[in-house]
Structures are given as C-alpha cells and as structure tokens.
N, C-alpha and C. Protein backbone atom coordinates (compact mmCIF):
# COMPACT_ATOMS: atom_id res chain seq x y z
N MET A 1 33.53 81.16 66.09
CA MET A 1 33.94 79.86 66.59
C MET A 1 33.61 78.77 65.56
N ILE A 2 32.36 78.76 65.06
CA ILE A 2 31.95 77.76 64.06
C ILE A 2 32.81 77.89 62.82
N GLU A 3 33.07 79.15 62.38
CA GLU A 3 33.88 79.36 61.18
C GLU A 3 35.30 78.82 61.37
N THR A 4 35.87 78.98 62.55
CA THR A 4 37.21 78.49 62.84
C THR A 4 37.24 76.96 62.78
N ILE A 5 36.24 76.32 63.38
CA ILE A 5 36.18 74.86 63.35
C ILE A 5 36.01 74.37 61.93
N TYR A 6 35.11 75.02 61.17
CA TYR A 6 34.90 74.64 59.77
C TYR A 6 36.19 74.79 58.97
N SER A 7 36.87 75.90 59.18
CA SER A 7 38.11 76.15 58.45
C SER A 7 39.17 75.09 58.78
N GLN A 8 39.29 74.71 60.06
CA GLN A 8 40.25 73.68 60.44
C GLN A 8 39.88 72.33 59.83
N LEU A 9 38.60 71.99 59.83
CA LEU A 9 38.16 70.74 59.21
C LEU A 9 38.44 70.75 57.71
N LYS A 10 38.13 71.86 57.08
CA LYS A 10 38.34 71.99 55.63
C LYS A 10 39.81 71.84 55.29
N GLU A 11 40.69 72.48 56.06
CA GLU A 11 42.12 72.37 55.81
C GLU A 11 42.60 70.93 56.02
N GLY A 12 42.07 70.26 57.03
CA GLY A 12 42.46 68.88 57.28
C GLY A 12 42.01 67.93 56.19
N ILE A 13 40.84 68.18 55.62
CA ILE A 13 40.30 67.33 54.56
C ILE A 13 40.94 67.65 53.23
N ALA A 14 41.30 68.91 53.03
CA ALA A 14 41.77 69.38 51.73
C ALA A 14 43.01 68.65 51.23
N ASP A 15 43.84 68.13 52.10
CA ASP A 15 45.06 67.50 51.62
C ASP A 15 44.98 65.97 51.60
N LEU A 16 43.77 65.43 51.69
CA LEU A 16 43.61 63.98 51.64
C LEU A 16 43.38 63.53 50.19
N VAL A 17 44.15 62.52 49.78
CA VAL A 17 44.01 61.98 48.43
C VAL A 17 43.81 60.47 48.51
N GLU A 18 43.30 59.91 47.43
CA GLU A 18 43.10 58.46 47.37
C GLU A 18 44.37 57.80 46.85
N VAL A 19 44.78 56.76 47.54
CA VAL A 19 45.86 55.90 47.05
C VAL A 19 45.19 54.88 46.15
N VAL A 20 45.76 54.64 44.97
CA VAL A 20 45.13 53.75 44.00
C VAL A 20 46.04 52.57 43.69
N ASP A 21 45.43 51.48 43.20
CA ASP A 21 46.21 50.30 42.83
C ASP A 21 46.69 50.44 41.38
N SER A 22 47.29 49.40 40.84
CA SER A 22 47.84 49.45 39.49
C SER A 22 46.77 49.61 38.41
N ASN A 23 45.51 49.37 38.76
CA ASN A 23 44.39 49.57 37.83
C ASN A 23 43.65 50.89 38.10
N ASP A 24 44.28 51.76 38.90
CA ASP A 24 43.72 53.08 39.21
C ASP A 24 42.43 52.99 40.04
N ARG A 25 42.31 51.95 40.85
CA ARG A 25 41.16 51.80 41.75
C ARG A 25 41.58 52.23 43.16
N PRO A 26 40.83 53.15 43.77
CA PRO A 26 41.20 53.61 45.11
C PRO A 26 41.01 52.53 46.17
N PHE A 27 41.94 52.48 47.13
CA PHE A 27 41.79 51.52 48.23
C PHE A 27 42.14 52.12 49.59
N MET A 28 42.61 53.38 49.62
CA MET A 28 42.98 54.00 50.89
C MET A 28 42.99 55.51 50.71
N VAL A 29 42.76 56.24 51.79
CA VAL A 29 42.85 57.70 51.78
C VAL A 29 43.96 58.11 52.74
N MET A 30 44.84 59.01 52.25
CA MET A 30 45.98 59.45 53.06
C MET A 30 46.28 60.92 52.78
N PRO A 31 46.99 61.57 53.69
CA PRO A 31 47.46 62.93 53.39
C PRO A 31 48.43 62.90 52.21
N VAL A 32 48.37 63.91 51.37
CA VAL A 32 49.20 63.94 50.17
C VAL A 32 50.70 63.88 50.51
N ALA A 33 51.12 64.50 51.60
CA ALA A 33 52.54 64.47 51.97
C ALA A 33 53.01 63.04 52.23
N ASP A 34 52.17 62.24 52.87
CA ASP A 34 52.52 60.85 53.15
C ASP A 34 52.58 60.02 51.87
N VAL A 35 51.69 60.32 50.94
CA VAL A 35 51.68 59.61 49.66
C VAL A 35 52.99 59.84 48.92
N HIS A 36 53.50 61.07 48.97
CA HIS A 36 54.74 61.39 48.27
C HIS A 36 55.98 60.81 48.96
N THR A 37 55.96 60.70 50.27
CA THR A 37 57.15 60.18 50.95
C THR A 37 57.28 58.67 50.84
N GLN A 38 56.20 57.95 50.49
CA GLN A 38 56.25 56.49 50.52
C GLN A 38 56.90 55.84 49.30
N PRO A 39 56.81 56.12 48.10
CA PRO A 39 55.81 56.77 47.27
C PRO A 39 54.69 55.81 46.90
N LEU A 40 53.49 56.36 46.77
CA LEU A 40 52.31 55.56 46.46
C LEU A 40 51.58 56.15 45.25
N ARG A 41 50.88 55.29 44.52
CA ARG A 41 50.10 55.76 43.37
C ARG A 41 48.96 56.65 43.83
N HIS A 42 48.77 57.75 43.11
CA HIS A 42 47.71 58.70 43.40
C HIS A 42 47.36 59.44 42.11
N ARG A 43 46.34 60.28 42.15
CA ARG A 43 45.86 60.95 40.94
C ARG A 43 46.22 62.44 40.93
N VAL A 44 46.61 62.90 39.74
CA VAL A 44 47.00 64.30 39.53
C VAL A 44 46.34 64.79 38.25
N VAL A 45 45.95 66.06 38.25
CA VAL A 45 45.41 66.68 37.04
C VAL A 45 46.31 67.82 36.59
N LEU A 46 46.48 67.93 35.29
CA LEU A 46 47.20 69.03 34.66
C LEU A 46 46.21 69.66 33.68
N THR A 47 46.16 70.99 33.64
CA THR A 47 45.19 71.64 32.75
C THR A 47 45.86 72.71 31.91
N LEU A 48 45.51 72.69 30.62
CA LEU A 48 45.97 73.69 29.66
C LEU A 48 44.82 74.66 29.45
N LEU A 49 45.04 75.93 29.71
CA LEU A 49 44.00 76.95 29.57
C LEU A 49 44.34 77.85 28.39
N TYR A 50 43.37 78.01 27.49
CA TYR A 50 43.55 78.83 26.30
C TYR A 50 42.59 80.00 26.32
N ASP A 51 43.00 81.12 25.72
CA ASP A 51 42.09 82.24 25.58
C ASP A 51 41.34 82.10 24.25
N ALA A 52 40.49 83.06 23.94
CA ALA A 52 39.66 82.99 22.73
C ALA A 52 40.49 83.02 21.46
N LYS A 53 41.74 83.49 21.55
CA LYS A 53 42.63 83.54 20.38
C LYS A 53 43.45 82.26 20.24
N GLY A 54 43.28 81.32 21.15
CA GLY A 54 44.02 80.07 21.08
C GLY A 54 45.40 80.13 21.70
N ARG A 55 45.66 81.18 22.48
CA ARG A 55 46.96 81.29 23.16
C ARG A 55 46.91 80.50 24.48
N LEU A 56 48.02 79.85 24.81
CA LEU A 56 48.14 79.04 26.01
C LEU A 56 48.60 79.89 27.18
N TYR A 57 47.95 79.70 28.34
CA TYR A 57 48.35 80.40 29.55
C TYR A 57 49.38 79.55 30.31
N LEU A 58 50.52 80.15 30.60
CA LEU A 58 51.52 79.53 31.47
C LEU A 58 51.57 80.33 32.76
N GLN A 59 51.69 79.63 33.87
CA GLN A 59 51.84 80.29 35.16
C GLN A 59 53.28 80.14 35.63
N ARG A 60 53.76 81.17 36.32
CA ARG A 60 55.07 81.06 36.96
C ARG A 60 54.80 80.73 38.42
N ARG A 61 55.33 79.60 38.84
CA ARG A 61 55.06 79.11 40.18
C ARG A 61 55.62 80.06 41.23
N ALA A 62 54.88 80.20 42.33
CA ALA A 62 55.32 81.06 43.43
C ALA A 62 56.65 80.56 43.98
N LYS A 63 57.44 81.46 44.47
CA LYS A 63 58.76 81.10 45.03
C LYS A 63 58.62 80.24 46.28
N SER A 64 57.45 80.26 46.90
CA SER A 64 57.22 79.48 48.12
C SER A 64 56.91 78.00 47.83
N LYS A 65 56.71 77.64 46.58
CA LYS A 65 56.38 76.26 46.23
C LYS A 65 57.57 75.34 46.50
N LYS A 66 57.28 74.12 46.97
CA LYS A 66 58.35 73.15 47.25
C LYS A 66 58.98 72.64 45.97
N LEU A 67 58.14 72.33 44.98
CA LEU A 67 58.64 71.83 43.70
C LEU A 67 58.72 72.95 42.68
N TYR A 68 59.85 73.08 42.04
CA TYR A 68 60.07 74.01 40.93
C TYR A 68 59.64 75.45 41.22
N PRO A 69 60.05 76.02 42.35
CA PRO A 69 59.67 77.41 42.64
C PRO A 69 60.21 78.36 41.57
N GLY A 70 59.36 79.29 41.14
CA GLY A 70 59.77 80.30 40.18
C GLY A 70 59.82 79.85 38.73
N ARG A 71 59.56 78.58 38.47
CA ARG A 71 59.58 78.10 37.08
C ARG A 71 58.21 78.27 36.43
N TRP A 72 58.21 78.35 35.09
CA TRP A 72 56.97 78.42 34.32
C TRP A 72 56.37 77.03 34.22
N ASP A 73 55.07 76.95 34.47
CA ASP A 73 54.37 75.67 34.54
C ASP A 73 53.13 75.72 33.65
N LEU A 74 52.48 74.57 33.52
CA LEU A 74 51.21 74.51 32.80
C LEU A 74 50.21 75.42 33.50
N SER A 75 49.08 75.65 32.87
CA SER A 75 48.10 76.61 33.39
C SER A 75 47.71 76.34 34.83
N SER A 76 47.37 75.09 35.14
CA SER A 76 47.12 74.72 36.54
C SER A 76 47.44 73.24 36.71
N THR A 77 47.82 72.90 37.92
CA THR A 77 48.17 71.51 38.24
C THR A 77 47.73 71.25 39.68
N GLY A 78 47.46 69.98 39.99
CA GLY A 78 47.11 69.68 41.37
C GLY A 78 46.68 68.25 41.56
N HIS A 79 46.50 67.89 42.81
CA HIS A 79 46.07 66.55 43.19
C HIS A 79 44.56 66.43 43.14
N VAL A 80 44.10 65.25 42.80
CA VAL A 80 42.67 64.93 42.88
C VAL A 80 42.41 64.55 44.34
N LEU A 81 41.51 65.26 44.98
CA LEU A 81 41.24 65.01 46.39
C LEU A 81 40.35 63.77 46.56
N ALA A 82 40.37 63.21 47.75
CA ALA A 82 39.56 62.03 48.05
C ALA A 82 38.10 62.30 47.75
N GLY A 83 37.48 61.41 46.98
CA GLY A 83 36.07 61.53 46.63
C GLY A 83 35.78 62.48 45.49
N GLU A 84 36.78 63.07 44.89
CA GLU A 84 36.61 64.06 43.84
C GLU A 84 36.84 63.46 42.46
N SER A 85 36.08 63.89 41.47
CA SER A 85 36.34 63.44 40.10
C SER A 85 37.52 64.21 39.53
N ARG A 86 38.13 63.67 38.52
CA ARG A 86 39.25 64.34 37.87
C ARG A 86 38.80 65.67 37.25
N GLU A 87 37.63 65.67 36.62
CA GLU A 87 37.11 66.89 36.00
C GLU A 87 36.90 67.98 37.04
N HIS A 88 36.32 67.60 38.16
CA HIS A 88 36.09 68.59 39.23
C HIS A 88 37.43 69.11 39.74
N ALA A 89 38.41 68.22 39.90
CA ALA A 89 39.73 68.64 40.38
C ALA A 89 40.36 69.65 39.42
N ALA A 90 40.24 69.40 38.11
CA ALA A 90 40.81 70.32 37.12
C ALA A 90 40.14 71.69 37.21
N LEU A 91 38.81 71.70 37.32
CA LEU A 91 38.09 72.97 37.46
C LEU A 91 38.41 73.67 38.77
N ARG A 92 38.50 72.89 39.86
CA ARG A 92 38.83 73.46 41.18
C ARG A 92 40.21 74.11 41.15
N GLU A 93 41.19 73.41 40.55
CA GLU A 93 42.55 73.96 40.50
C GLU A 93 42.61 75.23 39.67
N LEU A 94 41.88 75.28 38.55
CA LEU A 94 41.82 76.51 37.76
C LEU A 94 41.27 77.66 38.60
N ASN A 95 40.24 77.36 39.39
CA ASN A 95 39.63 78.38 40.22
C ASN A 95 40.56 78.79 41.37
N GLU A 96 41.18 77.82 42.04
CA GLU A 96 42.07 78.13 43.16
C GLU A 96 43.32 78.88 42.73
N GLU A 97 43.91 78.47 41.61
CA GLU A 97 45.18 79.06 41.19
C GLU A 97 45.02 80.32 40.36
N LEU A 98 44.00 80.35 39.49
CA LEU A 98 43.86 81.46 38.54
C LEU A 98 42.56 82.25 38.69
N ARG A 99 41.68 81.78 39.58
CA ARG A 99 40.39 82.43 39.82
C ARG A 99 39.56 82.58 38.54
N VAL A 100 39.56 81.52 37.75
CA VAL A 100 38.71 81.46 36.56
C VAL A 100 37.88 80.19 36.63
N PHE A 101 36.76 80.20 35.93
CA PHE A 101 35.92 79.02 35.87
C PHE A 101 35.37 78.90 34.46
N PRO A 102 36.05 78.10 33.61
CA PRO A 102 35.63 77.99 32.21
C PRO A 102 34.33 77.21 32.00
N GLY A 103 33.83 76.54 33.02
CA GLY A 103 32.57 75.80 32.88
C GLY A 103 32.75 74.33 32.56
N LYS A 104 33.73 74.01 31.71
CA LYS A 104 34.00 72.60 31.43
C LYS A 104 35.45 72.43 31.01
N VAL A 105 35.91 71.20 31.15
CA VAL A 105 37.25 70.83 30.72
C VAL A 105 37.13 69.61 29.81
N ASN A 106 38.08 69.46 28.92
CA ASN A 106 38.12 68.31 28.01
C ASN A 106 39.36 67.49 28.30
N GLN A 107 39.18 66.20 28.50
CA GLN A 107 40.34 65.35 28.77
C GLN A 107 41.08 65.07 27.46
N ILE A 108 42.39 65.25 27.49
CA ILE A 108 43.23 65.03 26.32
C ILE A 108 43.85 63.64 26.38
N VAL A 109 44.42 63.29 27.54
CA VAL A 109 45.12 62.02 27.67
C VAL A 109 45.22 61.64 29.14
N SER A 110 45.33 60.33 29.39
CA SER A 110 45.61 59.81 30.73
C SER A 110 46.92 59.04 30.66
N ILE A 111 47.75 59.25 31.64
CA ILE A 111 49.05 58.59 31.71
C ILE A 111 49.06 57.75 32.99
N PRO A 112 49.34 56.44 32.88
CA PRO A 112 49.35 55.61 34.09
C PRO A 112 50.53 55.97 35.01
N ALA A 113 50.36 55.64 36.26
CA ALA A 113 51.41 55.90 37.26
C ALA A 113 52.64 55.08 36.95
N SER A 114 53.80 55.71 37.15
CA SER A 114 55.08 55.03 36.94
C SER A 114 56.16 55.79 37.72
N VAL A 115 57.34 55.27 37.70
CA VAL A 115 58.46 55.96 38.34
C VAL A 115 58.65 57.33 37.69
N GLU A 116 58.51 57.40 36.35
CA GLU A 116 58.69 58.65 35.61
C GLU A 116 57.67 59.72 36.02
N THR A 117 56.46 59.31 36.38
CA THR A 117 55.43 60.27 36.79
C THR A 117 55.41 60.48 38.30
N GLU A 118 56.41 59.94 38.98
CA GLU A 118 56.48 59.97 40.44
C GLU A 118 55.23 59.35 41.05
N TYR A 119 54.79 58.26 40.43
CA TYR A 119 53.66 57.44 40.87
C TYR A 119 52.31 58.15 40.80
N ALA A 120 52.24 59.19 39.97
CA ALA A 120 50.97 59.88 39.77
C ALA A 120 50.27 59.33 38.53
N CYS A 121 48.98 59.04 38.66
CA CYS A 121 48.13 58.74 37.52
C CYS A 121 47.71 60.11 36.99
N ILE A 122 48.24 60.50 35.85
CA ILE A 122 48.06 61.86 35.34
C ILE A 122 46.92 61.93 34.33
N SER A 123 46.08 62.93 34.50
CA SER A 123 45.04 63.26 33.52
C SER A 123 45.30 64.67 33.04
N LEU A 124 45.50 64.81 31.72
CA LEU A 124 45.74 66.12 31.12
C LEU A 124 44.44 66.62 30.51
N PHE A 125 44.04 67.83 30.89
CA PHE A 125 42.81 68.45 30.42
C PHE A 125 43.12 69.75 29.68
N SER A 126 42.14 70.20 28.90
CA SER A 126 42.22 71.52 28.29
C SER A 126 40.91 72.25 28.55
N ALA A 127 40.99 73.57 28.55
CA ALA A 127 39.81 74.41 28.74
C ALA A 127 40.05 75.71 27.98
N ARG A 128 38.95 76.37 27.66
CA ARG A 128 39.07 77.61 26.91
C ARG A 128 38.18 78.67 27.55
N LEU A 129 38.74 79.85 27.73
CA LEU A 129 38.00 80.95 28.31
C LEU A 129 37.24 81.72 27.25
N ALA A 130 36.08 82.21 27.62
CA ALA A 130 35.31 83.04 26.71
C ALA A 130 35.60 84.51 26.97
N GLY A 131 35.66 84.91 28.21
CA GLY A 131 35.88 86.32 28.51
C GLY A 131 36.65 86.56 29.79
N ASP A 132 36.65 85.59 30.69
CA ASP A 132 37.37 85.75 31.95
C ASP A 132 38.85 85.97 31.69
N LYS A 133 39.47 86.68 32.60
CA LYS A 133 40.92 86.83 32.54
C LYS A 133 41.48 86.25 33.84
N PRO A 134 42.54 85.46 33.74
CA PRO A 134 43.13 84.90 34.95
C PRO A 134 43.56 85.99 35.93
N CYS A 135 43.33 85.72 37.19
CA CYS A 135 43.74 86.60 38.28
C CYS A 135 44.50 85.70 39.26
N PRO A 136 45.81 85.51 39.03
CA PRO A 136 46.57 84.53 39.81
C PRO A 136 46.49 84.73 41.32
N ASN A 137 46.30 83.62 42.02
CA ASN A 137 46.32 83.59 43.47
C ASN A 137 47.79 83.70 43.89
N PRO A 138 48.20 84.77 44.57
CA PRO A 138 49.62 84.96 44.89
C PRO A 138 50.23 83.88 45.78
N GLU A 139 49.40 83.13 46.49
CA GLU A 139 49.92 82.03 47.30
C GLU A 139 50.37 80.86 46.42
N GLU A 140 49.82 80.79 45.23
CA GLU A 140 50.09 79.67 44.31
C GLU A 140 50.94 80.09 43.12
N VAL A 141 50.66 81.29 42.59
CA VAL A 141 51.20 81.70 41.30
C VAL A 141 51.82 83.09 41.41
N ALA A 142 53.05 83.24 40.92
CA ALA A 142 53.72 84.53 40.94
C ALA A 142 53.18 85.45 39.85
N GLU A 143 52.97 84.90 38.65
CA GLU A 143 52.45 85.66 37.52
C GLU A 143 52.07 84.69 36.42
N GLY A 144 51.50 85.21 35.35
CA GLY A 144 51.12 84.36 34.24
C GLY A 144 51.16 85.11 32.93
N ILE A 145 51.14 84.35 31.84
CA ILE A 145 51.23 84.95 30.52
C ILE A 145 50.55 84.04 29.50
N PHE A 146 49.88 84.66 28.52
CA PHE A 146 49.35 83.91 27.38
C PHE A 146 50.37 83.94 26.26
N LEU A 147 50.65 82.78 25.67
CA LEU A 147 51.61 82.68 24.57
C LEU A 147 50.99 81.96 23.39
N ASP A 148 51.29 82.44 22.18
CA ASP A 148 50.86 81.69 21.00
C ASP A 148 51.91 80.61 20.72
N GLN A 149 51.68 79.80 19.72
CA GLN A 149 52.55 78.66 19.46
C GLN A 149 53.99 79.10 19.14
N GLU A 150 54.13 80.15 18.38
CA GLU A 150 55.45 80.65 18.02
C GLU A 150 56.20 81.21 19.23
N GLU A 151 55.50 81.97 20.06
CA GLU A 151 56.12 82.52 21.27
C GLU A 151 56.52 81.41 22.22
N PHE A 152 55.67 80.38 22.35
CA PHE A 152 56.01 79.27 23.22
C PHE A 152 57.25 78.53 22.69
N ALA A 153 57.31 78.30 21.38
CA ALA A 153 58.45 77.60 20.79
C ALA A 153 59.75 78.35 21.08
N ALA A 154 59.72 79.68 21.02
CA ALA A 154 60.90 80.48 21.34
C ALA A 154 61.28 80.34 22.81
N MET A 155 60.28 80.30 23.68
CA MET A 155 60.54 80.12 25.12
C MET A 155 61.16 78.75 25.38
N LEU A 156 60.61 77.72 24.75
CA LEU A 156 61.13 76.36 24.93
C LEU A 156 62.57 76.26 24.44
N GLU A 157 62.87 76.88 23.33
CA GLU A 157 64.22 76.81 22.77
C GLU A 157 65.22 77.64 23.56
N GLY A 158 64.83 78.85 23.97
CA GLY A 158 65.78 79.75 24.61
C GLY A 158 65.83 79.69 26.12
N PHE A 159 64.75 79.22 26.74
CA PHE A 159 64.68 79.27 28.20
C PHE A 159 64.17 77.97 28.81
N ARG A 160 64.57 76.86 28.24
CA ARG A 160 64.10 75.54 28.67
C ARG A 160 64.29 75.31 30.17
N GLU A 161 65.39 75.81 30.71
CA GLU A 161 65.70 75.60 32.13
C GLU A 161 64.73 76.32 33.06
N LEU A 162 63.94 77.25 32.51
CA LEU A 162 62.96 77.97 33.32
C LEU A 162 61.58 77.31 33.31
N LEU A 163 61.47 76.17 32.61
CA LEU A 163 60.19 75.46 32.49
C LEU A 163 60.17 74.24 33.40
N THR A 164 59.00 73.88 33.89
CA THR A 164 58.86 72.66 34.69
C THR A 164 58.93 71.45 33.76
N PRO A 165 59.25 70.28 34.30
CA PRO A 165 59.23 69.06 33.48
C PRO A 165 57.86 68.80 32.84
N ALA A 166 56.78 69.20 33.49
CA ALA A 166 55.44 68.97 32.94
C ALA A 166 55.24 69.75 31.64
N VAL A 167 55.73 70.99 31.59
CA VAL A 167 55.61 71.80 30.38
C VAL A 167 56.42 71.16 29.25
N ILE A 168 57.64 70.76 29.56
CA ILE A 168 58.51 70.15 28.55
C ILE A 168 57.89 68.84 28.05
N TRP A 169 57.38 68.03 28.97
CA TRP A 169 56.73 66.77 28.58
C TRP A 169 55.56 67.02 27.65
N ALA A 170 54.68 67.95 28.02
CA ALA A 170 53.49 68.24 27.21
C ALA A 170 53.89 68.77 25.83
N ALA A 171 54.92 69.59 25.79
CA ALA A 171 55.39 70.13 24.50
C ALA A 171 55.99 69.03 23.63
N GLU A 172 56.86 68.22 24.22
CA GLU A 172 57.54 67.17 23.45
C GLU A 172 56.58 66.09 22.96
N ASN A 173 55.45 65.93 23.63
CA ASN A 173 54.46 64.94 23.21
C ASN A 173 53.36 65.54 22.33
N GLY A 174 53.50 66.81 21.97
CA GLY A 174 52.59 67.45 21.04
C GLY A 174 51.21 67.77 21.59
N TYR A 175 51.08 67.94 22.90
CA TYR A 175 49.78 68.19 23.50
C TYR A 175 49.39 69.67 23.59
N LEU A 176 50.34 70.58 23.50
CA LEU A 176 50.06 71.97 23.83
C LEU A 176 49.14 72.70 22.85
N PHE A 177 49.35 72.56 21.57
CA PHE A 177 48.55 73.32 20.61
C PHE A 177 47.86 72.41 19.60
N SER A 178 47.70 71.13 19.91
CA SER A 178 47.20 70.17 18.93
C SER A 178 45.69 70.14 18.77
N ASP A 179 44.95 70.28 19.85
CA ASP A 179 43.50 70.12 19.77
C ASP A 179 42.85 71.11 20.72
N LEU A 180 42.69 72.36 20.25
CA LEU A 180 42.15 73.41 21.10
C LEU A 180 40.67 73.19 21.38
N PRO A 181 40.26 73.32 22.64
CA PRO A 181 38.85 73.15 22.97
C PRO A 181 38.02 74.32 22.46
N ALA A 182 36.74 74.07 22.28
CA ALA A 182 35.82 75.13 21.86
C ALA A 182 35.58 76.10 23.00
N VAL A 183 35.23 77.31 22.67
CA VAL A 183 34.90 78.32 23.67
C VAL A 183 33.50 78.03 24.20
N ALA A 184 33.34 78.00 25.51
CA ALA A 184 32.05 77.70 26.11
C ALA A 184 31.03 78.81 25.82
N ASN A 185 31.41 80.06 26.03
CA ASN A 185 30.55 81.22 25.75
C ASN A 185 31.34 82.17 24.88
N GLU A 186 31.21 82.02 23.59
CA GLU A 186 32.03 82.79 22.67
C GLU A 186 31.85 84.29 22.85
N ASP A 187 32.98 85.01 22.84
CA ASP A 187 33.00 86.45 22.91
C ASP A 187 32.65 87.00 21.53
N GLU A 188 31.72 87.92 21.44
CA GLU A 188 31.34 88.44 20.13
C GLU A 188 32.46 89.25 19.51
N ASP A 189 33.26 89.94 20.33
CA ASP A 189 34.34 90.77 19.80
C ASP A 189 35.54 89.95 19.32
N GLU A 190 35.75 88.80 19.91
CA GLU A 190 36.90 87.99 19.56
C GLU A 190 36.46 86.57 19.25
N PRO A 191 36.16 86.26 17.98
CA PRO A 191 35.76 84.91 17.64
C PRO A 191 36.90 83.94 17.86
N PRO A 192 36.59 82.69 18.19
CA PRO A 192 37.65 81.71 18.43
C PRO A 192 38.41 81.41 17.15
N VAL A 193 39.67 81.11 17.32
CA VAL A 193 40.51 80.72 16.20
C VAL A 193 40.33 79.23 16.00
N GLU A 194 40.03 78.82 14.81
CA GLU A 194 39.87 77.38 14.52
C GLU A 194 41.23 76.73 14.45
N PRO A 195 41.38 75.50 15.00
CA PRO A 195 42.68 74.82 14.96
C PRO A 195 43.06 74.44 13.55
C-alpha cells in the first residue's frame, strides 16, 4: 500500500517543471504537458555521451515517443524537473534512458528560449564513460550505437532524415566532436583519445 502511494506521488511529481521568465528565473511550477501546449519557457538538457575512444553515442528513440519516434537522437535528452539543477537533470536522464552514470557532466553551451527552441532554455552537456556500457531503457530507447566522427559524418550526409533536429543542430554548430570531456575513471586497457 505504501509503495503504491509513493509510486503515485512520484509519478505525479516527476512531470512537474519550472516555468521561467525571459531571464531564466523560475516563477511557476506546472506539468510539462501544460507547458508545451501554452507554450511557456522551461528548461531542457541535452547530453552527449562519449566512450573512452571518443566515439559519440546516439540513441534511436522508441517508436512510442510522441516526438520523432524511431529517429536517431543525442545520447540523452529531457526536461529539468522542478527544484532540480541542470547538471542533476543531465545525469538523471543518462541513468533513466541508458542506465549509465558517468559521475559528472560538463556544460558546453546554453541556448536561451526562443520560438526556434520551442521555448526551451537548452543546456548542452557532455560526459565520458570509463567502463560502463549503455543499457538502453526500452521504454525510452529502441537501440543505440557509438560512432566516431567519420561514421557520424557519413550518417549525417546519407541519412539526415533519420536524425532528430537536435542532432542536426548540434552537428551544424560544431558541438559534437569539438571538446571531448576527460574520462572520470580511466580504463587501463583503453586510454582516452586526446582531442
């Protein structure tokens, strides 16, 4: 009984996000679905996950997703929940979607909310795995793949229509392979590739 009540409370809280003003200051908490239908400014995190060889992990979104089902997306994406830091949200999403926990994330860039971002204040992060291997959550992710820069360039050129707008945006702005994060716990068998 207690577990059921806790689970219902957790589910009810899990989709609450902060609505922010033009200076990214929160002033209201609402369900994420309501934020999107209005549309209102809110916070989103995107994370690029690299392996020890410097290859980027792309996830293929589950067919059940409302936005871009079946398309290849950045390593993890999601909303910043009410009361949550952006860094925590990036780590939480990596854990929820890929069942990995790199220990830390590095912020690459922040993009203010606009019509182009669908009113999301976007924070792009990167992280690097030392030894963990992604184990995609089937409710979120259909499959995933690590690609090096050359393999990604071929995918972008030949299969652009299979990529989400976030992947294309990050590629066109030079964020994907520009500044690889350090490995938190370096693997002795596979030393990190220096950028």
